[in-house]
Protein backbone atom coordinates (compact mmCIF):
# COMPACT_ATOMS: atom_id res chain seq x y z
CA UNK A 1 -4.57 -2.39 -30.76
CA UNK A 2 -7.22 -5.62 -31.21
CA UNK A 3 -4.57 -7.70 -30.25
CA UNK A 4 -3.82 -5.44 -27.30
CA UNK A 5 -7.43 -5.92 -26.54
CA UNK A 6 -7.27 -9.66 -26.82
CA UNK A 7 -4.39 -10.49 -24.39
CA UNK A 8 -6.38 -8.13 -21.71
CA UNK A 9 -9.85 -10.76 -22.20
CA UNK A 10 -7.90 -13.48 -22.38
CA UNK A 11 -5.30 -12.54 -19.02
CA UNK A 12 -8.79 -11.96 -16.35
CA UNK A 13 -10.15 -14.89 -17.72
CA UNK A 14 -7.34 -16.85 -16.88
CA UNK A 15 -7.09 -15.48 -13.24
CA UNK A 16 -11.03 -15.97 -13.23
CA UNK A 17 -10.46 -19.68 -13.34
CA UNK A 18 -8.12 -19.79 -10.56
CA UNK A 19 -4.71 -18.92 -12.49
CA UNK A 20 -1.75 -16.68 -10.56
CA UNK A 21 -1.76 -13.35 -11.57
CA UNK A 22 2.27 -13.33 -12.33
CA UNK A 23 1.45 -16.82 -14.25
CA UNK A 24 -1.09 -15.66 -16.37
CA UNK A 25 0.90 -12.52 -17.46
CA UNK A 26 4.04 -14.91 -18.27
CA UNK A 27 1.40 -17.11 -20.38
CA UNK A 28 0.30 -14.33 -22.12
CA UNK A 29 2.72 -12.52 -23.17
CA UNK A 30 5.21 -15.62 -24.21
CA UNK A 31 1.80 -16.84 -26.49
CA UNK A 32 1.12 -13.56 -27.55
CA UNK A 33 5.25 -13.78 -28.87
CA UNK A 34 5.20 -16.35 -30.45
CA UNK A 35 2.45 -15.29 -32.39
CA UNK A 36 3.85 -12.37 -33.27
CA UNK A 37 6.99 -13.12 -34.55
CA UNK A 38 5.44 -16.18 -36.54
CA UNK A 39 5.94 -19.04 -34.24
CA UNK A 40 9.75 -18.29 -33.35
CA UNK A 41 9.91 -20.46 -30.59
CA UNK A 42 13.83 -19.93 -30.29
CA UNK A 43 12.98 -15.98 -30.10
CA UNK A 44 10.10 -16.56 -27.58
CA UNK A 45 11.96 -18.96 -25.25
CA UNK A 46 15.31 -17.13 -25.87
CA UNK A 47 12.92 -14.20 -23.88
CA UNK A 48 11.82 -16.51 -20.60
CA UNK A 49 15.47 -17.20 -20.32
CA UNK A 50 16.41 -13.36 -20.32
CA UNK A 51 13.85 -11.79 -18.33
CA UNK A 52 13.39 -13.20 -14.86
CA UNK A 53 17.52 -12.61 -14.95
CA UNK A 54 16.81 -9.08 -16.29
CA UNK A 55 14.10 -8.28 -14.35
CA UNK A 56 16.07 -9.38 -10.87
CA UNK A 57 19.07 -8.34 -11.31
CA UNK A 58 18.32 -4.74 -10.95
CA UNK A 59 20.35 -2.99 -8.11
CA UNK A 60 16.93 -1.42 -6.58
CA UNK A 61 14.94 -4.37 -6.53
CA UNK A 62 16.84 -5.20 -3.16
CA UNK A 63 14.85 -2.67 -1.81
CA UNK A 64 12.09 -4.85 -2.27
CA UNK A 65 12.94 -7.73 0.11
CA UNK A 66 15.02 -5.73 2.56
CA UNK A 67 11.59 -3.68 3.27
CA UNK A 68 9.18 -6.58 3.53
CA UNK A 69 12.07 -7.87 6.05
CA UNK A 70 11.66 -4.76 8.06
CA UNK A 71 8.23 -5.37 8.43
CA UNK A 72 8.50 -8.60 9.73
CA UNK A 73 10.78 -8.13 12.20
CA UNK A 74 8.88 -4.81 13.27
CA UNK A 75 5.41 -7.21 13.46
CA UNK A 76 7.03 -9.70 15.41
CA UNK A 77 8.79 -7.51 18.14
CA UNK A 78 5.32 -7.12 19.13
CA UNK A 79 5.79 -3.38 18.50
CA UNK A 80 1.96 -2.63 17.71
CA UNK A 81 0.81 -3.53 21.51
CA UNK A 82 2.86 -0.35 22.84
CA UNK A 83 1.42 1.71 20.04
CA UNK A 84 -1.77 1.60 20.68
CA UNK A 85 -1.43 1.69 24.28
CA UNK A 86 0.43 4.62 24.06
CA UNK A 87 -1.82 6.34 20.88
CA UNK A 88 -4.88 5.34 23.77
CA UNK A 89 -3.46 7.23 27.26
CA UNK A 90 -2.83 10.46 24.83
CA UNK A 91 -6.82 10.08 22.88
CA UNK A 92 -8.40 7.24 24.38
CA UNK A 93 -10.01 10.49 26.91
CA UNK A 94 -11.56 12.05 23.36
CA UNK A 95 -14.43 11.93 21.83
CA UNK A 96 -14.45 8.28 19.92
CA UNK A 97 -10.78 8.28 21.73
CA UNK A 98 -10.15 4.56 21.40
CA UNK A 99 -11.00 5.04 17.65
CA UNK A 100 -8.52 8.02 17.40
CA UNK A 101 -5.77 5.56 18.95
CA UNK A 102 -6.38 2.78 16.77
CA UNK A 103 -6.00 5.01 14.35
CA UNK A 104 -3.07 6.62 15.34
CA UNK A 105 -1.13 3.00 15.45
CA UNK A 106 -1.91 2.18 12.28
CA UNK A 107 -0.28 5.36 10.56
CA UNK A 108 3.20 4.55 13.08
CA UNK A 109 2.78 0.61 12.72
CA UNK A 110 2.63 1.39 8.60
CA UNK A 111 5.31 4.08 8.74
CA UNK A 112 7.80 1.06 10.10
CA UNK A 113 6.33 -2.29 8.44
CA UNK A 114 5.13 -0.58 4.97
CA UNK A 115 2.42 -2.88 4.65
CA UNK A 116 -1.27 -2.59 4.95
CA UNK A 117 -2.22 -6.26 5.59
CA UNK A 118 -0.19 -7.20 8.26
CA UNK A 119 -1.01 -3.64 9.85
CA UNK A 120 -4.70 -4.72 9.68
CA UNK A 121 -4.00 -7.91 10.89
CA UNK A 122 -1.83 -6.99 13.66
CA UNK A 123 -3.80 -4.10 15.05
CA UNK A 124 -6.31 -5.75 14.80
CA UNK A 125 -6.31 -8.55 17.04
CA UNK A 126 -4.91 -5.57 19.45
CA UNK A 127 -7.46 -3.70 18.97
CA UNK A 128 -10.84 -4.33 18.12
CA UNK A 129 -11.58 -6.77 21.51
CA UNK A 130 -10.37 -3.41 23.86
CA UNK A 131 -13.12 -0.92 21.97
CA UNK A 132 -15.59 -3.61 21.62
CA UNK A 133 -15.54 -3.72 26.06
CA UNK A 134 -15.00 -0.67 26.37
CA UNK A 135 -18.54 -0.08 24.42
CA UNK A 136 -17.97 1.13 20.52
CA UNK A 137 -20.19 -0.48 17.85
CA UNK A 138 -18.73 -3.40 16.24
CA UNK A 139 -19.12 -1.19 12.89
CA UNK A 140 -17.04 1.14 13.54
CA UNK A 141 -14.12 -1.06 15.31
CA UNK A 142 -13.97 -3.24 12.57
CA UNK A 143 -14.45 -0.60 9.89
CA UNK A 144 -11.22 1.77 11.23
CA UNK A 145 -8.78 -0.93 11.65
CA UNK A 146 -9.36 -2.00 8.12
CA UNK A 147 -9.06 1.68 6.90
CA UNK A 148 -6.52 1.54 9.12
CA UNK A 149 -4.14 -0.84 7.49
CA UNK A 150 -4.70 0.72 4.25
CA UNK A 151 -1.99 3.63 5.57
CA UNK A 152 0.41 1.42 4.71
CA UNK A 153 0.16 1.87 1.18
CA UNK A 154 0.83 5.41 0.82
CA UNK A 155 3.21 5.74 4.45
CA UNK A 156 6.84 5.28 3.83
CA UNK A 157 8.15 2.66 3.05
CA UNK A 158 5.51 1.83 0.80
CA UNK A 159 6.26 -1.10 -1.42
CA UNK A 160 3.92 -0.98 -3.84
CA UNK A 161 5.32 2.39 -4.47
CA UNK A 162 8.54 1.08 -4.73
CA UNK A 163 6.95 -0.83 -7.23
CA UNK A 164 4.99 2.03 -9.06
CA UNK A 165 8.39 3.72 -9.09
CA UNK A 166 10.44 0.83 -11.07
CA UNK A 167 7.92 0.18 -13.40
CA UNK A 168 6.51 3.91 -14.12
CA UNK A 169 10.67 4.72 -14.63
CA UNK A 170 10.36 7.31 -11.60
CA UNK A 171 12.27 8.19 -8.42
CA UNK A 172 12.00 5.94 -5.48
CA UNK A 173 13.20 8.45 -3.35
CA UNK A 174 10.76 11.07 -4.32
CA UNK A 175 8.35 8.78 -4.55
CA UNK A 176 8.77 7.46 -0.62
CA UNK A 177 9.35 11.44 0.17
CA UNK A 178 5.53 11.83 -1.77
CA UNK A 179 3.45 9.90 0.23
CA UNK A 180 4.67 10.92 3.32
CA UNK A 181 2.66 14.38 3.79
CA UNK A 182 -0.54 12.92 1.78
CA UNK A 183 -0.04 10.03 3.84
CA UNK A 184 -0.41 11.79 7.16
CA UNK A 185 -3.11 13.53 6.39
CA UNK A 186 -5.42 11.23 5.47
CA UNK A 187 -4.18 9.81 9.09
CA UNK A 188 -6.00 13.09 9.93
CA UNK A 189 -9.08 13.36 7.55
CA UNK A 190 -9.92 9.34 9.39
CA UNK A 191 -9.58 10.83 13.28
CA UNK A 192 -11.70 13.89 11.61
CA UNK A 193 -14.06 10.93 10.04
CA UNK A 194 -14.59 9.52 13.63
CA UNK A 195 -14.69 12.78 15.95
CA UNK A 196 -17.85 13.98 13.71
CA UNK A 197 -19.38 10.16 13.71
CA UNK A 198 -18.61 10.81 17.96
CA UNK A 199 -21.12 13.63 17.81
CA UNK A 200 -23.31 12.60 15.75
CA UNK A 201 -23.70 8.90 17.19
CA UNK A 202 -21.90 9.43 20.57
CA UNK A 203 -23.90 6.33 22.44
CA UNK A 204 -21.60 4.41 19.51
CA UNK A 205 -18.58 5.60 20.53
CA UNK A 206 -18.11 6.38 24.04
CA UNK A 207 -14.87 8.20 25.92
CA UNK A 208 -12.61 5.85 28.14
CA UNK A 209 -11.30 7.77 31.12
CA UNK A 210 -8.21 9.71 31.35
CA UNK A 211 -5.01 8.41 31.62
CA UNK A 212 -2.24 9.90 34.82
CA UNK A 213 0.68 11.96 33.36
CA UNK A 214 3.11 9.73 34.30
CA UNK A 215 1.13 6.42 33.16
CA UNK A 216 1.17 7.95 29.74
CA UNK A 217 5.15 9.36 30.04
CA UNK A 218 5.47 5.47 30.82
CA UNK A 219 3.80 4.18 27.71
CA UNK A 220 5.47 6.65 25.43
CA UNK A 221 8.51 4.62 26.21
CA UNK A 222 8.36 1.93 24.71
CA UNK A 223 7.28 2.82 21.04
CA UNK A 224 10.66 5.66 20.95
CA UNK A 225 12.98 2.84 19.40
CA UNK A 226 10.89 1.93 16.64
CA UNK A 227 9.73 5.85 16.05
CA UNK A 228 13.21 6.62 16.55
CA UNK A 229 14.30 3.88 13.29
CA UNK A 230 11.10 4.89 10.87
CA UNK A 231 12.22 8.76 11.56
CA UNK A 232 15.93 7.06 10.17
CA UNK A 233 14.87 5.64 7.49
CA UNK A 234 12.53 8.51 6.43
CA UNK A 235 15.04 11.14 7.20
CA UNK A 236 18.06 9.52 5.68
CA UNK A 237 16.15 9.58 2.42
CA UNK A 238 14.98 12.64 2.97
CA UNK A 239 18.87 13.92 4.04
CA UNK A 240 20.18 12.16 0.77
CA UNK A 241 22.50 10.28 3.56
CA UNK A 242 20.83 7.03 2.08
CA UNK A 243 19.63 5.94 -1.11
CA UNK A 244 16.04 4.05 -0.72
CA UNK A 245 17.94 0.48 -0.89
CA UNK A 246 20.32 1.77 1.55
CA UNK A 247 17.54 2.93 3.96
CA UNK A 248 15.30 -0.47 3.44
CA UNK A 249 18.76 -2.21 4.58
CA UNK A 250 18.97 0.43 7.82
CA UNK A 251 15.97 -0.33 8.79
CA UNK A 252 15.84 -4.30 8.08
CA UNK A 253 19.13 -4.14 10.57
CA UNK A 254 17.23 -1.91 12.93
CA UNK A 255 14.15 -3.54 13.47
CA UNK A 256 16.15 -6.90 13.77
CA UNK A 257 17.95 -4.61 16.63
CA UNK A 258 14.75 -3.46 18.39
CA UNK A 259 13.55 -7.07 17.69
CA UNK A 260 16.79 -8.22 19.64
CA UNK A 261 16.19 -5.38 22.66
CA UNK A 262 12.68 -6.57 23.00
CA UNK A 263 13.26 -10.33 23.51
CA UNK A 264 16.59 -9.85 25.10
CA UNK A 265 17.98 -11.97 22.15
CA UNK A 266 16.32 -13.54 18.88
CA UNK A 267 14.33 -16.61 18.91
CA UNK A 268 15.04 -18.96 16.03
CA UNK A 269 11.28 -19.51 15.10
CA UNK A 270 10.69 -16.15 15.05
CA UNK A 271 13.45 -15.48 12.93
CA UNK A 272 13.53 -18.59 10.80
CA UNK A 273 9.33 -17.24 9.91
CA UNK A 274 10.38 -13.75 9.28
CA UNK A 275 13.21 -14.73 6.40
CA UNK A 276 10.46 -17.65 5.26
CA UNK A 277 7.83 -15.22 4.79
CA UNK A 278 9.90 -12.46 3.57
CA UNK A 279 11.07 -15.26 1.11
CA UNK A 280 7.55 -15.85 -0.25
CA UNK A 281 6.52 -12.96 -0.54
CA UNK A 282 9.31 -11.53 -2.78
CA UNK A 283 9.62 -14.40 -4.89
CA UNK A 284 5.59 -13.43 -5.41
CA UNK A 285 6.62 -10.08 -6.51
CA UNK A 286 9.23 -10.92 -8.54
CA UNK A 287 7.53 -13.31 -10.44
CA UNK A 288 4.32 -10.33 -10.90
CA UNK A 289 7.14 -8.27 -11.97
CA UNK A 290 8.86 -10.87 -14.62
CA UNK A 291 5.31 -11.52 -16.17
CA UNK A 292 4.38 -8.24 -16.18
CA UNK A 293 7.70 -7.10 -18.89
CA UNK A 294 7.13 -10.62 -20.36
CA UNK A 295 3.94 -9.03 -21.03
CA UNK A 296 5.01 -5.23 -21.67
CA UNK A 297 7.59 -7.09 -24.44
CA UNK A 298 4.71 -7.99 -26.46
CA UNK A 299 1.92 -5.19 -25.81
CA UNK A 300 5.28 -2.77 -27.18
CA UNK A 301 5.60 -5.05 -29.89
CA UNK A 302 2.24 -4.42 -31.10
CA UNK A 303 2.29 -0.75 -30.63
CA UNK A 304 -1.03 -1.20 -28.75
CA UNK A 305 -0.11 1.40 -25.49
CA UNK A 306 0.99 3.84 -27.86
CA UNK A 307 -1.88 3.02 -30.23
CA UNK A 308 -4.61 3.75 -27.45
CA UNK A 309 -2.53 6.75 -26.18
CA UNK A 310 -2.97 8.39 -29.55
CA UNK A 311 -6.67 7.58 -28.84
CA UNK A 312 -6.95 8.97 -25.67
CA UNK A 313 -5.76 12.62 -27.43
CA UNK A 314 -8.16 12.21 -30.11
CA UNK A 315 -10.67 12.38 -27.79
CA UNK A 316 -9.44 15.23 -26.47
CA UNK A 317 -10.90 15.34 -23.46
CA UNK A 318 -10.37 17.68 -20.12
CA UNK A 319 -7.55 16.21 -18.32
CA UNK A 320 -9.65 16.35 -15.55
CA UNK A 321 -12.28 14.88 -17.07
CA UNK A 322 -9.95 11.80 -18.24
CA UNK A 323 -8.45 11.63 -14.41
CA UNK A 324 -12.10 10.74 -13.35
CA UNK A 325 -12.32 8.14 -15.40
CA UNK A 326 -8.80 6.44 -14.55
CA UNK A 327 -9.79 6.78 -10.87
CA UNK A 328 -13.30 5.23 -11.49
CA UNK A 329 -11.60 2.35 -13.51
CA UNK A 330 -9.15 1.80 -10.82
CA UNK A 331 -12.69 1.56 -8.29
CA UNK A 332 -13.89 -1.14 -10.64
CA UNK A 333 -10.74 -3.05 -11.50
CA UNK A 334 -9.87 -2.97 -6.72
CA UNK A 335 -13.39 -4.99 -7.08
CA UNK A 336 -11.15 -8.10 -8.77
CA UNK A 337 -7.88 -7.26 -8.28
CA UNK A 338 -4.79 -7.28 -5.76
CA UNK A 339 -3.11 -3.28 -6.02
CA UNK A 340 0.13 -5.44 -7.08
CA UNK A 341 -1.69 -6.28 -9.63
CA UNK A 342 -2.95 -3.39 -10.63
CA UNK A 343 -0.05 -1.51 -10.80
CA UNK A 344 1.77 -3.80 -12.88
CA UNK A 345 -1.00 -4.58 -15.94
CA UNK A 346 -2.29 -0.48 -16.11
CA UNK A 347 0.81 1.99 -15.38
CA UNK A 348 2.59 0.88 -18.46
CA UNK A 349 -0.45 2.07 -20.29
CA UNK A 350 -1.62 4.88 -17.96
CA UNK A 351 1.36 6.51 -16.91
CA UNK A 352 2.43 8.13 -20.13
CA UNK A 353 -1.42 9.12 -21.01
CA UNK A 354 -1.24 11.06 -17.46
CA UNK A 355 1.95 12.40 -18.00
CA UNK A 356 1.24 13.64 -21.94
CA UNK A 357 -1.99 15.64 -20.30
CA UNK A 358 0.42 17.85 -18.25
CA UNK A 359 -0.07 15.60 -14.76
CA UNK A 360 3.23 15.00 -12.56
CA UNK A 361 4.66 11.37 -12.65
CA UNK A 362 4.97 11.34 -8.91
CA UNK A 363 1.95 13.26 -8.12
CA UNK A 364 -0.33 10.52 -10.10
CA UNK A 365 1.69 7.79 -8.23
CA UNK A 366 0.41 8.87 -5.28
CA UNK A 367 -2.79 9.46 -6.70
CA UNK A 368 -3.04 5.66 -7.84
CA UNK A 369 -1.60 4.93 -4.26
CA UNK A 370 -5.06 6.29 -2.69
CA UNK A 371 -7.22 4.51 -5.00
CA UNK A 372 -5.64 1.48 -4.29
CA UNK A 373 -5.87 2.14 -0.25
CA UNK A 374 -9.43 2.64 -1.62
CA UNK A 375 -9.88 -0.68 -3.09
CA UNK A 376 -8.77 -2.11 -0.59
CA UNK A 377 -11.86 -1.66 1.86
CA UNK A 378 -14.27 -1.80 -1.08
CA UNK A 379 -16.71 -4.84 -1.57
CA UNK A 380 -16.44 -7.41 -3.14
CA UNK A 381 -12.66 -8.13 -2.54
CA UNK A 382 -11.59 -5.54 0.12
CA UNK A 383 -8.70 -7.30 1.19
CA UNK A 384 -7.74 -5.37 4.63
CA UNK A 385 -11.71 -6.16 5.55
CA UNK A 386 -11.66 -9.53 4.75
CA UNK A 387 -8.01 -9.83 7.41
CA UNK A 388 -10.01 -7.95 10.08
CA UNK A 389 -13.20 -10.33 9.65
CA UNK A 390 -9.97 -13.01 10.02
CA UNK A 391 -9.86 -11.29 13.05
CA UNK A 392 -13.47 -10.04 14.66
CA UNK A 393 -14.91 -13.83 13.86
CA UNK A 394 -18.55 -12.86 14.65
CA UNK A 395 -18.43 -9.38 13.51
CA UNK A 396 -20.74 -10.07 9.80
CA UNK A 397 -18.96 -9.27 7.05
CA UNK A 398 -21.65 -6.83 5.67
CA UNK A 399 -21.63 -4.83 8.95
CA UNK A 400 -17.70 -4.54 8.63
CA UNK A 401 -18.49 -2.37 5.01
CA UNK A 402 -21.16 -0.65 6.16
CA UNK A 403 -18.99 1.20 8.89
CA UNK A 404 -16.34 2.04 6.02
CA UNK A 405 -17.90 4.66 4.28
CA UNK A 406 -17.07 7.58 6.45
CA UNK A 407 -13.07 6.88 5.85
CA UNK A 408 -13.84 6.21 2.05
CA UNK A 409 -15.01 9.95 1.97
CA UNK A 410 -11.92 10.54 3.72
CA UNK A 411 -10.30 9.53 0.91
CA UNK A 412 -12.47 11.24 -1.56
CA UNK A 413 -11.71 14.13 -0.21
CA UNK A 414 -8.08 13.98 -0.11
CA UNK A 415 -7.66 12.82 -4.09
CA UNK A 416 -9.81 16.12 -4.29
CA UNK A 417 -7.40 18.14 -2.18
CA UNK A 418 -4.20 16.50 -4.19
CA UNK A 419 -6.35 17.48 -6.98
CA UNK A 420 -6.75 21.06 -6.35
CA UNK A 421 -3.38 21.23 -4.50
CA UNK A 422 -0.42 19.07 -5.36
CA UNK A 423 1.90 20.53 -3.93
CA UNK A 424 1.34 18.68 -0.71
CA UNK A 425 2.44 15.30 -2.29
CA UNK A 426 5.04 16.99 -4.41
CA UNK A 427 6.76 20.01 -1.45
CA UNK A 428 9.36 17.56 0.18
CA UNK A 429 10.12 15.65 -2.99
CA UNK A 430 10.96 19.07 -4.55
CA UNK A 431 12.97 20.38 -1.37
CA UNK A 432 14.85 17.61 -1.15
CA UNK A 433 15.95 17.26 -5.18
CA UNK A 434 16.07 21.07 -5.36
C-alpha cells in the first residue's frame, strides 16, 4: 500500500502545480508501471499504445458524446427561457415563488441537458436579474441558481452517472433510473427550503403578481417539445425500448430537431459551436478515462486496493460509520477536485469496500452523486457558484456562498433519507430489471 500512497501524493502534487488531471494520472501510472517492472520501457510504452484504443473503443462510451451533444443542442435552443417563464407563470405568486420557479426550471433543464454548469449558467443569465428586480435578496437569488444547477449530476441523463457506471462496472440504465426519484425529491427539498426561508425572512422573498390562466397555458406550450424529449429518453430506458446508448442518440437527434423547429432551420454558427463544445468535452472526459485506467493498472499491480480493503475490514467499523467517513472524505476532496476527477480517482478504491460492507453499488452511486453535488456549491472551489458569479458579477462570492447553506442542508437531508430508505433510489431500477 506504500506504493499506492506515494502515487496519490505525487499525483496530487502534479495537479497542485497546474498539470491537468488526465496527464497527472497518466504520468504517475506510466512511471509506476515502469518502476514496478524493473524499467521495462517496452512494456510500459506498449501499455500507453494499447489503453487509449481499449478505452475509447467501448461501445458504451458512445453515450457520453451523444448526451453531451444533446445538452449543447438543448442549450442552443434557448429553451431555458421558456422553462423559467412557464414555472414563473404557475408558481410565481407563491411565497418565494420566483425562486421556486428557478429551481423547477433548473430541474427541467437538467433533464434535457445533463450538465450542472450549463444549467447554472443558462438559468442564471435569465433568472437572477428577474429575481433581483422583483425584490428577492441577491444572496438567495444567486444561491438558488447555483444549487439548482447541481441537479444536472443526478437527474438523468447524467454524464457523471454514466462515467461512474463504466468505472464501477455497473448497469448504466439502472444507474440513470436510480437517480431519477432522488433527483426529483432533491428538487422538492430545495423548494421546501425556499418556502421555509420565505416565512423566516418574508422581506427577502416577496411574491410576484398572479398570472392569468390563459397566459399560463400559452407559456406552457413552449416547453412541450423538450419535456416530451426528456420523457422519451428516460421512458425509453425504463421501458426497455432503448439501451442507454440508443437513448443518447435519440436525445441528440430530438434536441437537434427542436433547434431546427425553433430557429426555422439550423444556423451554421450554432451547429459549429455545439459540435466543437461536444468534441472538446468528450476529449477531456476520454483523456481522464484513459489516464485513470493506466493508473489503475499500476495500482492493481501493487495490490494496493486489495490491501486497503483488507485494512479497512480489519478495523471492524460499522458500515454506516464508514459511509459517514466516505461522505466527509468526498466533501474534502470536492474542495480541490472536480466531480469527474473524484470519480476516476476514488471509485476503483472505495466502491469495492462499500459493496463488501453490504451496500448496493447502484445505491452507492446515487449517494456519491449527491455528495459531488455538494462539492459543486461548497467553498473554496464550488464550480457552480463560480459560474453564477460570472453571471452576477456585482454580487461578491462570499454573499453567494452565504446563501448556499439551506440548500446544502436539503442535500444532507436527502442522504439521510436514502440511507434510511434505500428503495427511494432502487425502486425504479428494480422494477425495470425484475
